[in-house]
Amino acid sequence: MIDDELERCAAAASRFDPFSELSTLNTDGQTTTMSDDFVDYLRAAILGVHLSGGLVDPAVGGALIALGYDRDFSQIDAGSGSEQPPVHTWANDVVIDLDRRTIALHNGARLDLGATSKAHCADRIAQRLVREDLATGACVSLGGDVATAGVAPAPGWSIAIVESARERTLLSTNDTISDAEDLMVIEGGGVATSSSIGRVWRRNGATIHHLVDPRTGRSAATPWALVSVHAANCLEANIAATAAHLEGTDAPELLAARGLGARLRDHSGTTIAVGTWPRRAA
């Protein structure tokens, strides 16, 4: 079941699979044959636009390509990308009617669903595990996007925040995690972490990361190295964590005002917890 959901996510929303529905849309500029899965992932992206006030914008696909993020991350080279990335926004360059299953991209815009699709896939997997009676409770992590569903074990799900080389091999919080930045317990909802230092490359002497500001088409000038958010589900957590980088120094106050718990670490290493951020595990 998990493999099925991952394959469906990639078939619908992967920008790196030339045969996915998203890649076909980006190539053709329009489509009227959207699958149920693609519609679902587009709805998740639209939610991202609305909840973030336009800061989490899927129309940054063209800018990501211009910045050099048009291939597997390990293959990005320092000379890839153009000097001036394009500026496209969902509001100005995308016309969509989900009921009629039509969408058109204007002015050469391209979509990237990376800010929402993985988190939404984690939610879908956790919910399906419980819905199909494969688990009474489920906790699913896809590359740091953590979704839960059903009944949590006592005293709750233990979630580690790890920003190091070890995160590439960390498989279970049942391990002893001596270098975890934080280890908290949640009874439900989702946790997502957005980093401006995890996917970084050099281009023309500048450091570039994958968090694009839709207002400029360039990597966001964020004061935050790492933002983790706990929300009602993983999708909403990841939207908030991504938006926090673009909100800059106002992010802690804005996250707390939305009733969210968050942990933010700036580039100097200073960490703050705001709102309803869960207690640290013993």
C-alpha atoms as a PDB file:
ATOM      1  CA  MET A   1       0.000   0.000   0.000  1.00  0.00           C
ATOM      2  CA  ILE A   2       2.802   2.400   0.884  1.00  0.00           C
ATOM      3  CA  ASP A   3       4.607   1.630  -2.377  1.00  0.00           C
ATOM      4  CA  ASP A   4       1.340   2.242  -4.233  1.00  0.00           C
ATOM      5  CA  GLU A   5       0.896   5.687  -2.649  1.00  0.00           C
ATOM      6  CA  LEU A   6       4.500   6.661  -3.361  1.00  0.00           C
ATOM      7  CA  GLU A   7       4.176   5.585  -6.990  1.00  0.00           C
ATOM      8  CA  ARG A   8       0.911   7.500  -7.350  1.00  0.00           C
ATOM      9  CA  CYS A   9       2.508  10.613  -5.887  1.00  0.00           C
ATOM     10  CA  ALA A  10       5.428  10.419  -8.314  1.00  0.00           C
ATOM     11  CA  ALA A  11       3.167   9.699 -11.308  1.00  0.00           C
ATOM     12  CA  ALA A  12       1.080  12.754 -10.507  1.00  0.00           C
ATOM     13  CA  ALA A  13       3.411  15.325  -8.992  1.00  0.00           C
ATOM     14  CA  SER A  14       7.087  14.624  -9.742  1.00  0.00           C
ATOM     15  CA  ARG A  15       8.861  17.391 -11.634  1.00  0.00           C
ATOM     16  CA  PHE A  16      11.806  15.064 -12.271  1.00  0.00           C
ATOM     17  CA  ASP A  17       9.835  12.255 -13.953  1.00  0.00           C
ATOM     18  CA  PRO A  18       9.350  13.320 -17.595  1.00  0.00           C
ATOM     19  CA  PHE A  19       6.247  11.117 -17.842  1.00  0.00           C
ATOM     20  CA  SER A  20       4.427  12.436 -14.761  1.00  0.00           C
ATOM     21  CA  GLU A  21       1.246  14.465 -15.129  1.00  0.00           C
ATOM     22  CA  LEU A  22       3.022  17.514 -13.735  1.00  0.00           C
ATOM     23  CA  SER A  23       5.852  17.251 -16.258  1.00  0.00           C
ATOM     24  CA  THR A  24       3.355  16.794 -19.087  1.00  0.00           C
ATOM     25  CA  LEU A  25       1.488  19.903 -17.948  1.00  0.00           C
ATOM     26  CA  ASN A  26       4.706  21.906 -17.724  1.00  0.00           C
ATOM     27  CA  THR A  27       5.632  20.821 -21.253  1.00  0.00           C
ATOM     28  CA  ASP A  28       2.223  21.336 -22.878  1.00  0.00           C
ATOM     29  CA  GLY A  29       1.089  24.346 -20.870  1.00  0.00           C
ATOM     30  CA  GLN A  30      -2.413  22.979 -20.392  1.00  0.00           C
ATOM     31  CA  THR A  31      -4.341  19.780 -19.802  1.00  0.00           C
ATOM     32  CA  THR A  32      -7.923  18.580 -19.564  1.00  0.00           C
ATOM     33  CA  THR A  33      -7.250  14.984 -18.529  1.00  0.00           C
ATOM     34  CA  MET A  34      -6.238  15.286 -14.887  1.00  0.00           C
ATOM     35  CA  SER A  35      -6.411  12.116 -12.793  1.00  0.00           C
ATOM     36  CA  ASP A  36      -8.031  12.048  -9.363  1.00  0.00           C
ATOM     37  CA  ASP A  37      -4.564  11.903  -7.801  1.00  0.00           C
ATOM     38  CA  PHE A  38      -3.313  14.927  -9.734  1.00  0.00           C
ATOM     39  CA  VAL A  39      -6.410  16.903  -8.772  1.00  0.00           C
ATOM     40  CA  ASP A  40      -5.823  15.955  -5.133  1.00  0.00           C
ATOM     41  CA  TYR A  41      -2.193  17.109  -5.215  1.00  0.00           C
ATOM     42  CA  LEU A  42      -3.207  20.329  -6.960  1.00  0.00           C
ATOM     43  CA  ARG A  43      -5.760  20.972  -4.207  1.00  0.00           C
ATOM     44  CA  ALA A  44      -2.948  20.577  -1.687  1.00  0.00           C
ATOM     45  CA  ALA A  45      -0.875  23.126  -3.618  1.00  0.00           C
ATOM     46  CA  ILE A  46      -3.799  25.554  -3.747  1.00  0.00           C
ATOM     47  CA  LEU A  47      -4.197  25.213   0.014  1.00  0.00           C
ATOM     48  CA  GLY A  48      -0.545  26.165   0.304  1.00  0.00           C
ATOM     49  CA  VAL A  49      -1.162  29.362  -1.664  1.00  0.00           C
ATOM     50  CA  HIS A  50      -4.151  30.294   0.484  1.00  0.00           C
ATOM     51  CA  LEU A  51      -2.707  29.476   3.910  1.00  0.00           C
ATOM     52  CA  SER A  52       0.558  31.283   3.193  1.00  0.00           C
ATOM     53  CA  GLY A  53      -0.932  34.380   1.600  1.00  0.00           C
ATOM     54  CA  GLY A  54       0.767  33.490  -1.680  1.00  0.00           C
ATOM     55  CA  LEU A  55       4.248  32.887  -0.259  1.00  0.00           C
ATOM     56  CA  VAL A  56       4.136  29.118  -0.898  1.00  0.00           C
ATOM     57  CA  ASP A  57       3.491  29.347  -4.621  1.00  0.00           C
ATOM     58  CA  PRO A  58       3.690  26.332  -6.968  1.00  0.00           C
ATOM     59  CA  ALA A  59       4.307  28.629  -9.946  1.00  0.00           C
ATOM     60  CA  VAL A  60       7.994  28.901  -8.969  1.00  0.00           C
ATOM     61  CA  GLY A  61       8.830  25.833 -11.094  1.00  0.00           C
ATOM     62  CA  GLY A  62      10.403  27.956 -13.816  1.00  0.00           C
ATOM     63  CA  ALA A  63      12.509  29.849 -11.290  1.00  0.00           C
ATOM     64  CA  LEU A  64      13.794  26.597  -9.763  1.00  0.00           C
ATOM     65  CA  ILE A  65      14.858  25.411 -13.204  1.00  0.00           C
ATOM     66  CA  ALA A  66      16.554  28.748 -13.920  1.00  0.00           C
ATOM     67  CA  LEU A  67      18.415  28.462 -10.620  1.00  0.00           C
ATOM     68  CA  GLY A  68      19.765  25.077 -11.705  1.00  0.00           C
ATOM     69  CA  TYR A  69      17.372  22.742  -9.907  1.00  0.00           C
ATOM     70  CA  ASP A  70      16.287  20.938 -13.065  1.00  0.00           C
ATOM     71  CA  ARG A  71      17.900  17.551 -12.415  1.00  0.00           C
ATOM     72  CA  ASP A  72      18.632  15.104  -9.637  1.00  0.00           C
ATOM     73  CA  PHE A  73      20.104  17.060  -6.740  1.00  0.00           C
ATOM     74  CA  SER A  74      23.405  15.165  -6.863  1.00  0.00           C
ATOM     75  CA  GLN A  75      23.840  16.264 -10.494  1.00  0.00           C
ATOM     76  CA  ILE A  76      23.488  20.015  -9.966  1.00  0.00           C
ATOM     77  CA  ASP A  77      26.708  21.783 -10.935  1.00  0.00           C
ATOM     78  CA  ALA A  78      28.024  25.206 -10.027  1.00  0.00           C
ATOM     79  CA  GLY A  79      27.604  26.541 -13.547  1.00  0.00           C
ATOM     80  CA  SER A  80      23.993  25.528 -14.092  1.00  0.00           C
ATOM     81  CA  GLY A  81      21.151  28.018 -14.211  1.00  0.00           C
ATOM     82  CA  SER A  82      20.632  31.513 -15.581  1.00  0.00           C
ATOM     83  CA  GLU A  83      21.431  34.934 -14.147  1.00  0.00           C
ATOM     84  CA  GLN A  84      17.810  36.159 -14.021  1.00  0.00           C
ATOM     85  CA  PRO A  85      15.167  33.619 -12.997  1.00  0.00           C
ATOM     86  CA  PRO A  86      11.614  34.317 -14.173  1.00  0.00           C
ATOM     87  CA  VAL A  87       8.933  35.576 -11.813  1.00  0.00           C
ATOM     88  CA  HIS A  88       5.604  33.774 -12.111  1.00  0.00           C
ATOM     89  CA  THR A  89       2.781  33.536  -9.604  1.00  0.00           C
ATOM     90  CA  TRP A  90      -0.260  31.318  -9.231  1.00  0.00           C
ATOM     91  CA  ALA A  91      -2.561  34.352  -9.209  1.00  0.00           C
ATOM     92  CA  ASN A  92      -1.218  35.861 -12.432  1.00  0.00           C
ATOM     93  CA  ASP A  93      -0.106  32.916 -14.537  1.00  0.00           C
ATOM     94  CA  VAL A  94      -2.327  29.907 -13.727  1.00  0.00           C
ATOM     95  CA  VAL A  95      -5.966  29.428 -14.724  1.00  0.00           C
ATOM     96  CA  ILE A  96      -7.595  26.362 -13.193  1.00  0.00           C
ATOM     97  CA  ASP A  97     -11.043  24.798 -12.976  1.00  0.00           C
ATOM     98  CA  LEU A  98     -10.795  21.627 -10.912  1.00  0.00           C
ATOM     99  CA  ASP A  99     -14.461  20.756 -11.436  1.00  0.00           C
ATOM    100  CA  ARG A 100     -13.954  20.693 -15.212  1.00  0.00           C
ATOM    101  CA  ARG A 101     -10.416  19.373 -14.762  1.00  0.00           C
ATOM    102  CA  THR A 102      -8.814  22.078 -16.837  1.00  0.00           C
ATOM    103  CA  ILE A 103      -5.649  24.002 -16.117  1.00  0.00           C
ATOM    104  CA  ALA A 104      -3.570  26.356 -18.249  1.00  0.00           C
ATOM    105  CA  LEU A 105      -0.166  27.899 -17.574  1.00  0.00           C
ATOM    106  CA  HIS A 106       0.375  31.344 -19.076  1.00  0.00           C
ATOM    107  CA  ASN A 107       3.509  33.318 -19.975  1.00  0.00           C
ATOM    108  CA  GLY A 108       5.738  30.245 -19.859  1.00  0.00           C
ATOM    109  CA  ALA A 109       4.998  29.455 -16.215  1.00  0.00           C
ATOM    110  CA  ARG A 110       5.855  26.028 -14.813  1.00  0.00           C
ATOM    111  CA  LEU A 111       4.635  24.408 -11.626  1.00  0.00           C
ATOM    112  CA  ASP A 112       6.583  22.728  -8.837  1.00  0.00           C
ATOM    113  CA  LEU A 113       4.596  20.905  -6.148  1.00  0.00           C
ATOM    114  CA  GLY A 114       7.575  20.116  -3.939  1.00  0.00           C
ATOM    115  CA  ALA A 115       6.418  22.371  -1.104  1.00  0.00           C
ATOM    116  CA  THR A 116       3.229  20.352  -0.617  1.00  0.00           C
ATOM    117  CA  SER A 117       3.259  16.986  -2.418  1.00  0.00           C
ATOM    118  CA  LYS A 118       5.589  15.002  -0.135  1.00  0.00           C
ATOM    119  CA  ALA A 119       3.859  16.195   3.029  1.00  0.00           C
ATOM    120  CA  HIS A 120       0.448  15.461   1.511  1.00  0.00           C
ATOM    121  CA  CYS A 121       1.636  12.009   0.467  1.00  0.00           C
ATOM    122  CA  ALA A 122       2.690  11.296   4.067  1.00  0.00           C
ATOM    123  CA  ASP A 123      -0.798  12.313   5.232  1.00  0.00           C
ATOM    124  CA  ARG A 124      -2.416  10.101   2.604  1.00  0.00           C
ATOM    125  CA  ILE A 125      -0.341   7.085   3.641  1.00  0.00           C
ATOM    126  CA  ALA A 126      -0.983   7.493   7.375  1.00  0.00           C
ATOM    127  CA  GLN A 127      -4.708   7.992   6.853  1.00  0.00           C
ATOM    128  CA  ARG A 128      -4.991   5.059   4.465  1.00  0.00           C
ATOM    129  CA  LEU A 129      -3.153   2.726   6.869  1.00  0.00           C
ATOM    130  CA  VAL A 130      -5.813   3.397   9.476  1.00  0.00           C
ATOM    131  CA  ARG A 131      -8.758   3.585   7.073  1.00  0.00           C
ATOM    132  CA  GLU A 132      -7.960   0.175   5.580  1.00  0.00           C
ATOM    133  CA  ASP A 133      -7.451  -1.368   9.047  1.00  0.00           C
ATOM    134  CA  LEU A 134      -3.760  -1.996   8.446  1.00  0.00           C
ATOM    135  CA  ALA A 135      -2.980  -0.186  11.699  1.00  0.00           C
ATOM    136  CA  THR A 136      -4.880   1.239  14.654  1.00  0.00           C
ATOM    137  CA  GLY A 137      -2.390   4.081  14.693  1.00  0.00           C
ATOM    138  CA  ALA A 138       0.243   5.154  12.182  1.00  0.00           C
ATOM    139  CA  CYS A 139       3.248   7.468  12.094  1.00  0.00           C
ATOM    140  CA  VAL A 140       4.814   8.002   8.668  1.00  0.00           C
ATOM    141  CA  SER A 141       7.935   9.996   7.830  1.00  0.00           C
ATOM    142  CA  LEU A 142       8.850  10.886   4.248  1.00  0.00           C
ATOM    143  CA  GLY A 143      12.161  12.682   4.290  1.00  0.00           C
ATOM    144  CA  GLY A 144      11.336  14.495   7.502  1.00  0.00           C
ATOM    145  CA  ASP A 145       7.676  15.169   6.718  1.00  0.00           C
ATOM    146  CA  VAL A 146       5.883  13.315   9.529  1.00  0.00           C
ATOM    147  CA  ALA A 147       2.173  12.434   9.455  1.00  0.00           C
ATOM    148  CA  THR A 148       0.140  10.579  12.052  1.00  0.00           C
ATOM    149  CA  ALA A 149      -3.324   9.036  12.074  1.00  0.00           C
ATOM    150  CA  GLY A 150      -5.423   6.944  14.420  1.00  0.00           C
ATOM    151  CA  VAL A 151      -4.484   6.116  17.996  1.00  0.00           C
ATOM    152  CA  ALA A 152      -1.037   7.051  19.257  1.00  0.00           C
ATOM    153  CA  PRO A 153       0.896   4.745  21.594  1.00  0.00           C
ATOM    154  CA  ALA A 154       1.396   5.937  25.167  1.00  0.00           C
ATOM    155  CA  PRO A 155       2.728   8.507  25.849  1.00  0.00           C
ATOM    156  CA  GLY A 156       2.679   9.534  22.184  1.00  0.00           C
ATOM    157  CA  TRP A 157       4.788   9.486  19.029  1.00  0.00           C
ATOM    158  CA  SER A 158       8.454  10.408  19.613  1.00  0.00           C
ATOM    159  CA  ILE A 159       9.697  12.708  16.856  1.00  0.00           C
ATOM    160  CA  ALA A 160      13.356  13.680  16.501  1.00  0.00           C
ATOM    161  CA  ILE A 161      14.611  16.826  14.821  1.00  0.00           C
ATOM    162  CA  VAL A 162      17.997  15.974  13.304  1.00  0.00           C
ATOM    163  CA  GLU A 163      19.981  18.302  11.050  1.00  0.00           C
ATOM    164  CA  SER A 164      23.185  16.429  10.299  1.00  0.00           C
ATOM    165  CA  ALA A 165      24.673  13.768   8.068  1.00  0.00           C
ATOM    166  CA  ARG A 166      23.041  11.246  10.360  1.00  0.00           C
ATOM    167  CA  GLU A 167      19.580  12.144   9.114  1.00  0.00           C
ATOM    168  CA  ARG A 168      20.377  10.285   5.910  1.00  0.00           C
ATOM    169  CA  THR A 169      20.643   6.994   7.772  1.00  0.00           C
ATOM    170  CA  LEU A 170      18.206   7.570  10.629  1.00  0.00           C
ATOM    171  CA  LEU A 171      15.455   4.997  10.228  1.00  0.00           C
ATOM    172  CA  SER A 172      13.701   4.862  13.573  1.00  0.00           C
ATOM    173  CA  THR A 173      13.343   6.923  16.724  1.00  0.00           C
ATOM    174  CA  ASN A 174      13.664   3.627  18.569  1.00  0.00           C
ATOM    175  CA  ASP A 175      17.402   4.139  18.079  1.00  0.00           C
ATOM    176  CA  THR A 176      19.407   6.120  20.601  1.00  0.00           C
ATOM    177  CA  ILE A 177      19.725   9.561  19.060  1.00  0.00           C
ATOM    178  CA  SER A 178      22.524  11.348  20.849  1.00  0.00           C
ATOM    179  CA  ASP A 179      22.833  14.190  18.350  1.00  0.00           C
ATOM    180  CA  ALA A 180      19.153  15.054  17.917  1.00  0.00           C
ATOM    181  CA  GLU A 181      18.551  18.786  18.134  1.00  0.00           C
ATOM    182  CA  ASP A 182      15.181  18.116  19.699  1.00  0.00           C
ATOM    183  CA  LEU A 183      13.121  15.075  20.599  1.00  0.00           C
ATOM    184  CA  MET A 184       9.483  15.716  21.400  1.00  0.00           C
ATOM    185  CA  VAL A 185       6.283  13.753  21.871  1.00  0.00           C
ATOM    186  CA  ILE A 186       3.039  14.342  19.974  1.00  0.00           C
ATOM    187  CA  GLU A 187      -0.308  12.613  20.284  1.00  0.00           C
ATOM    188  CA  GLY A 188      -1.425  13.465  16.747  1.00  0.00           C
ATOM    189  CA  GLY A 189      -1.207  15.857  13.847  1.00  0.00           C
ATOM    190  CA  GLY A 190       1.858  16.308  11.682  1.00  0.00           C
ATOM    191  CA  VAL A 191       5.370  17.720  11.967  1.00  0.00           C
ATOM    192  CA  ALA A 192       7.367  19.129   9.079  1.00  0.00           C
ATOM    193  CA  THR A 193      10.808  20.691   8.879  1.00  0.00           C
ATOM    194  CA  SER A 194      11.927  23.128   6.202  1.00  0.00           C
ATOM    195  CA  SER A 195      15.632  23.867   5.849  1.00  0.00           C
ATOM    196  CA  SER A 196      17.529  26.504   3.906  1.00  0.00           C
ATOM    197  CA  ILE A 197      20.817  24.635   4.467  1.00  0.00           C
ATOM    198  CA  GLY A 198      19.876  21.100   3.437  1.00  0.00           C
ATOM    199  CA  ARG A 199      19.510  21.499  -0.343  1.00  0.00           C
ATOM    200  CA  VAL A 200      22.218  24.000  -1.214  1.00  0.00           C
ATOM    201  CA  TRP A 201      24.399  24.426  -4.267  1.00  0.00           C
ATOM    202  CA  ARG A 202      26.763  27.000  -5.723  1.00  0.00           C
ATOM    203  CA  ARG A 203      26.091  28.953  -8.889  1.00  0.00           C
ATOM    204  CA  ASN A 204      28.228  31.753 -10.291  1.00  0.00           C
ATOM    205  CA  GLY A 205      29.921  32.177  -6.913  1.00  0.00           C
ATOM    206  CA  ALA A 206      26.650  32.445  -4.966  1.00  0.00           C
ATOM    207  CA  THR A 207      25.027  29.992  -2.576  1.00  0.00           C
ATOM    208  CA  ILE A 208      21.587  28.899  -3.779  1.00  0.00           C
ATOM    209  CA  HIS A 209      18.870  26.924  -2.003  1.00  0.00           C
ATOM    210  CA  HIS A 210      15.547  25.469  -3.101  1.00  0.00           C
ATOM    211  CA  LEU A 211      13.237  27.800  -1.127  1.00  0.00           C
ATOM    212  CA  VAL A 212      12.245  30.296  -3.808  1.00  0.00           C
ATOM    213  CA  ASP A 213      10.631  33.639  -3.043  1.00  0.00           C
ATOM    214  CA  PRO A 214       7.810  34.019  -5.614  1.00  0.00           C
ATOM    215  CA  ARG A 215       8.182  37.802  -5.402  1.00  0.00           C
ATOM    216  CA  THR A 216      11.719  37.713  -6.808  1.00  0.00           C
ATOM    217  CA  GLY A 217      12.195  34.277  -8.392  1.00  0.00           C
ATOM    218  CA  ARG A 218      15.357  33.884  -6.316  1.00  0.00           C
ATOM    219  CA  SER A 219      16.302  31.870  -3.246  1.00  0.00           C
ATOM    220  CA  ALA A 220      14.660  33.423  -0.205  1.00  0.00           C
ATOM    221  CA  ALA A 221      16.829  35.692   1.946  1.00  0.00           C
ATOM    222  CA  THR A 222      15.791  33.882   5.097  1.00  0.00           C
ATOM    223  CA  PRO A 223      17.208  34.404   8.589  1.00  0.00           C
ATOM    224  CA  TRP A 224      16.271  30.803   9.438  1.00  0.00           C
ATOM    225  CA  ALA A 225      18.409  27.738   8.885  1.00  0.00           C
ATOM    226  CA  LEU A 226      15.783  25.290  10.122  1.00  0.00           C
ATOM    227  CA  VAL A 227      12.058  25.663  10.844  1.00  0.00           C
ATOM    228  CA  SER A 228       9.927  22.840  12.280  1.00  0.00           C
ATOM    229  CA  VAL A 229       6.161  23.173  12.744  1.00  0.00           C
ATOM    230  CA  HIS A 230       3.534  21.011  14.446  1.00  0.00           C
ATOM    231  CA  ALA A 231       0.063  21.392  12.934  1.00  0.00           C
ATOM    232  CA  ALA A 232      -3.200  19.504  12.433  1.00  0.00           C
ATOM    233  CA  ASN A 233      -1.608  17.488   9.622  1.00  0.00           C
ATOM    234  CA  CYS A 234       1.700  17.228   7.820  1.00  0.00           C
ATOM    235  CA  LEU A 235       0.555  19.256   4.809  1.00  0.00           C
ATOM    236  CA  GLU A 236      -0.384  22.277   6.915  1.00  0.00           C
ATOM    237  CA  ALA A 237       2.801  21.896   8.950  1.00  0.00           C
ATOM    238  CA  ASN A 238       4.985  21.956   5.849  1.00  0.00           C
ATOM    239  CA  ILE A 239       3.140  24.919   4.347  1.00  0.00           C
ATOM    240  CA  ALA A 240       3.711  26.883   7.557  1.00  0.00           C
ATOM    241  CA  ALA A 241       7.371  25.819   7.847  1.00  0.00           C
ATOM    242  CA  THR A 242       8.088  26.838   4.250  1.00  0.00           C
ATOM    243  CA  ALA A 243       6.245  30.133   4.589  1.00  0.00           C
ATOM    244  CA  ALA A 244       8.210  30.949   7.757  1.00  0.00           C
ATOM    245  CA  HIS A 245      11.416  31.255   5.752  1.00  0.00           C
ATOM    246  CA  LEU A 246       9.735  33.813   3.496  1.00  0.00           C
ATOM    247  CA  GLU A 247       8.157  35.692   6.404  1.00  0.00           C
ATOM    248  CA  GLY A 248      11.590  36.315   7.857  1.00  0.00           C
ATOM    249  CA  THR A 249      11.919  37.771  11.337  1.00  0.00           C
ATOM    250  CA  ASP A 250       8.120  38.086  11.635  1.00  0.00           C
ATOM    251  CA  ALA A 251       7.694  34.296  11.402  1.00  0.00           C
ATOM    252  CA  PRO A 252       7.675  33.448  15.155  1.00  0.00           C
ATOM    253  CA  GLU A 253       4.938  35.961  15.909  1.00  0.00           C
ATOM    254  CA  LEU A 254       2.888  34.927  12.868  1.00  0.00           C
ATOM    255  CA  LEU A 255       3.164  31.214  13.656  1.00  0.00           C
ATOM    256  CA  ALA A 256       2.042  31.760  17.242  1.00  0.00           C
ATOM    257  CA  ALA A 257      -0.864  33.941  16.081  1.00  0.00           C
ATOM    258  CA  ARG A 258      -2.066  31.052  13.890  1.00  0.00           C
ATOM    259  CA  GLY A 259      -2.122  28.759  16.917  1.00  0.00           C
ATOM    260  CA  LEU A 260       0.792  26.658  15.666  1.00  0.00           C
ATOM    261  CA  GLY A 261       3.749  25.264  17.554  1.00  0.00           C
ATOM    262  CA  ALA A 262       7.126  25.843  15.962  1.00  0.00           C
ATOM    263  CA  ARG A 263      10.842  25.591  16.549  1.00  0.00           C
ATOM    264  CA  LEU A 264      13.104  27.970  14.623  1.00  0.00           C
ATOM    265  CA  ARG A 265      16.914  27.978  14.450  1.00  0.00           C
ATOM    266  CA  ASP A 266      18.699  30.910  12.852  1.00  0.00           C
ATOM    267  CA  HIS A 267      22.025  30.816  11.038  1.00  0.00           C
ATOM    268  CA  SER A 268      23.941  31.671  14.210  1.00  0.00           C
ATOM    269  CA  GLY A 269      22.604  28.561  15.938  1.00  0.00           C
ATOM    270  CA  THR A 270      20.132  30.343  18.213  1.00  0.00           C
ATOM    271  CA  THR A 271      16.929  28.308  18.642  1.00  0.00           C
ATOM    272  CA  ILE A 272      13.529  29.516  19.794  1.00  0.00           C
ATOM    273  CA  ALA A 273      10.285  27.630  20.402  1.00  0.00           C
ATOM    274  CA  VAL A 274       6.968  29.400  19.902  1.00  0.00           C
ATOM    275  CA  GLY A 275       3.286  28.720  20.399  1.00  0.00           C
ATOM    276  CA  THR A 276       2.268  25.168  21.199  1.00  0.00           C
ATOM    277  CA  TRP A 277       5.581  23.478  20.316  1.00  0.00           C
ATOM    278  CA  PRO A 278       5.407  20.030  22.027  1.00  0.00           C
ATOM    279  CA  ARG A 279       7.270  19.223  25.193  1.00  0.00           C
ATOM    280  CA  ARG A 280      10.681  17.618  24.891  1.00  0.00           C
ATOM    281  CA  ALA A 281      10.714  13.878  25.427  1.00  0.00           C
ATOM    282  CA  ALA A 282      12.395  12.599  28.571  1.00  0.00           C
END
